[in-house]
Amino acid sequence: MSKFLKIFKIVVGVLGAILFFRILNTGDEALELDAVLQSSVVSPLMYVAYAILLLCILSVLVFVVKGLFTGNVKNTLIGLGSFIVVLIVSFLVSEGQETALRDGEVLSAYGSRWVSAGLTMFYILVAISILAIVASNLKGLIAKS
């Protein structure tokens, strides 16, 4: 399996490099002016990126489900519950207002509130991560003393 993954990574890397250099050789102005050329040059690289993203998502899902059934379900549920609590708190403290978008559409107040909740949740999770790193380092320093 390891040999297969190594070969797969090399093939995908070479394919990505070829497609990338194909875009570079075409040039910016030609891509901006000709939609057909843009589609034929950029689309293959996008399809490779989508395929890699799909493989990543599938592998994460497989390993998460595998971990659920082989590991400690209690810890998994505690983590999931904590994540949901942070989501709910983020949504409750967020505000939303109708916003005009560039394409003329209007983002509803509810949609704006979800965007705000997502950003708030991101900030909360980053703060928790930083605190966990600092606490871990301090604990290590204290243990060495």
Foldseek 3Di string as FASTA:
>chain_A
DVVVVVVVVVVLVVVLVVLVVQVVVCDDVNLVPDVVVVCVRVVVNVVSVVVVVVVVVVVVVVVVVVCCVPHDVVVVVVVVVVLVVLLVVLLVPFWFPWDQDPVRDIQHRNNRSNVSSVVSSVVVVVVVVVVVVVVVVVVVVVVVD
